[in-house]
């Protein structure tokens, strides 16, 4: 799954759970990543910001009621792995 697809999926779950500010923030990050004119340094900085949010003490602290904790953490881990993979390609 592409990083943008993962961001959209997590954004959806955050919105469903009422975490609108965090969802908006991830949506902005996704829009920035899709900008083909973005410099590599800026691209990496956004990826780092996204990866930091995948931590158990950030978005992992949230519990969307429609997902199990295991499913939520798995989604965040998938996003974290995707950001690191994307950074290695830049």
Protein backbone atom coordinates (compact mmCIF):
# COMPACT_ATOMS: atom_id res chain seq x y z
CA UNK A 1 0.00 0.00 0.00
CA UNK A 2 1.28 3.47 -0.87
CA UNK A 3 2.08 5.95 1.87
CA UNK A 4 -0.66 8.29 0.62
CA UNK A 5 -3.21 5.46 0.83
CA UNK A 6 -2.10 4.67 4.38
CA UNK A 7 -2.40 8.33 5.35
CA UNK A 8 -5.90 8.51 3.88
CA UNK A 9 -6.93 5.37 5.75
CA UNK A 10 -5.57 6.59 9.09
CA UNK A 11 -7.08 10.00 8.44
CA UNK A 12 -10.46 8.31 7.98
CA UNK A 13 -10.16 6.42 11.28
CA UNK A 14 -9.09 9.55 13.14
CA UNK A 15 -12.09 11.45 11.79
CA UNK A 16 -14.43 8.59 12.71
CA UNK A 17 -13.12 8.74 16.27
CA UNK A 18 -13.43 12.54 16.48
CA UNK A 19 -9.72 13.40 16.33
CA UNK A 20 -10.27 16.08 13.71
CA UNK A 21 -7.15 18.20 14.36
CA UNK A 22 -4.84 15.22 13.98
CA UNK A 23 -6.73 14.07 10.90
CA UNK A 24 -6.38 17.53 9.35
CA UNK A 25 -2.68 17.57 10.14
CA UNK A 26 -2.13 14.22 8.43
CA UNK A 27 -4.19 15.37 5.46
CA UNK A 28 -1.93 18.42 5.11
CA UNK A 29 1.16 16.20 5.29
CA UNK A 30 -0.30 13.98 2.59
CA UNK A 31 -0.99 16.98 0.35
CA UNK A 32 2.56 18.22 0.83
CA UNK A 33 4.01 14.80 -0.01
CA UNK A 34 2.03 14.71 -3.24
CA UNK A 35 3.68 17.96 -4.38
CA UNK A 36 6.15 16.81 -7.04
CA UNK A 37 8.10 20.08 -6.77
CA UNK A 38 8.94 19.52 -3.11
CA UNK A 39 12.68 19.49 -2.35
CA UNK A 40 14.13 16.24 -0.98
CA UNK A 41 14.99 17.88 2.36
CA UNK A 42 11.42 19.09 2.82
CA UNK A 43 10.09 15.73 1.73
CA UNK A 44 12.20 13.97 4.36
CA UNK A 45 11.16 16.47 7.04
CA UNK A 46 7.49 15.70 6.37
CA UNK A 47 8.17 11.95 6.44
CA UNK A 48 9.90 12.34 9.81
CA UNK A 49 6.89 14.28 11.14
CA UNK A 50 4.58 11.49 9.99
CA UNK A 51 6.79 8.76 11.46
CA UNK A 52 6.88 10.54 14.83
CA UNK A 53 3.10 10.48 14.96
CA UNK A 54 3.07 6.70 14.52
CA UNK A 55 4.59 6.30 17.98
CA UNK A 56 2.55 4.66 20.72
CA UNK A 57 2.78 7.88 22.76
CA UNK A 58 1.31 10.01 19.98
CA UNK A 59 -1.41 8.67 17.69
CA UNK A 60 -0.96 5.27 19.31
CA UNK A 61 -2.43 6.78 22.48
CA UNK A 62 -5.74 7.22 20.68
CA UNK A 63 -8.25 4.43 20.61
CA UNK A 64 -10.70 4.66 17.74
CA UNK A 65 -13.73 2.81 19.13
CA UNK A 66 -14.45 1.06 15.83
CA UNK A 67 -11.00 -0.64 15.80
CA UNK A 68 -9.24 -2.92 18.23
CA UNK A 69 -6.07 -1.57 19.79
CA UNK A 70 -4.11 -4.22 17.89
CA UNK A 71 -5.65 -3.18 14.55
CA UNK A 72 -4.98 0.51 15.24
CA UNK A 73 -1.37 -0.05 16.21
CA UNK A 74 -0.89 -2.28 13.17
CA UNK A 75 -2.11 0.51 10.89
CA UNK A 76 0.29 2.97 12.53
CA UNK A 77 3.16 0.49 12.24
CA UNK A 78 2.41 0.00 8.55
CA UNK A 79 2.52 3.77 8.05
CA UNK A 80 5.77 4.00 10.02
CA UNK A 81 7.37 1.30 7.87
CA UNK A 82 6.14 3.00 4.70
CA UNK A 83 7.65 6.34 5.74
CA UNK A 84 11.03 4.75 6.46
CA UNK A 85 10.95 2.85 3.16
CA UNK A 86 10.06 6.07 1.34
CA UNK A 87 12.93 7.95 3.05
CA UNK A 88 15.44 5.33 1.89
CA UNK A 89 14.34 5.86 -1.71
CA UNK A 90 14.92 9.61 -1.63
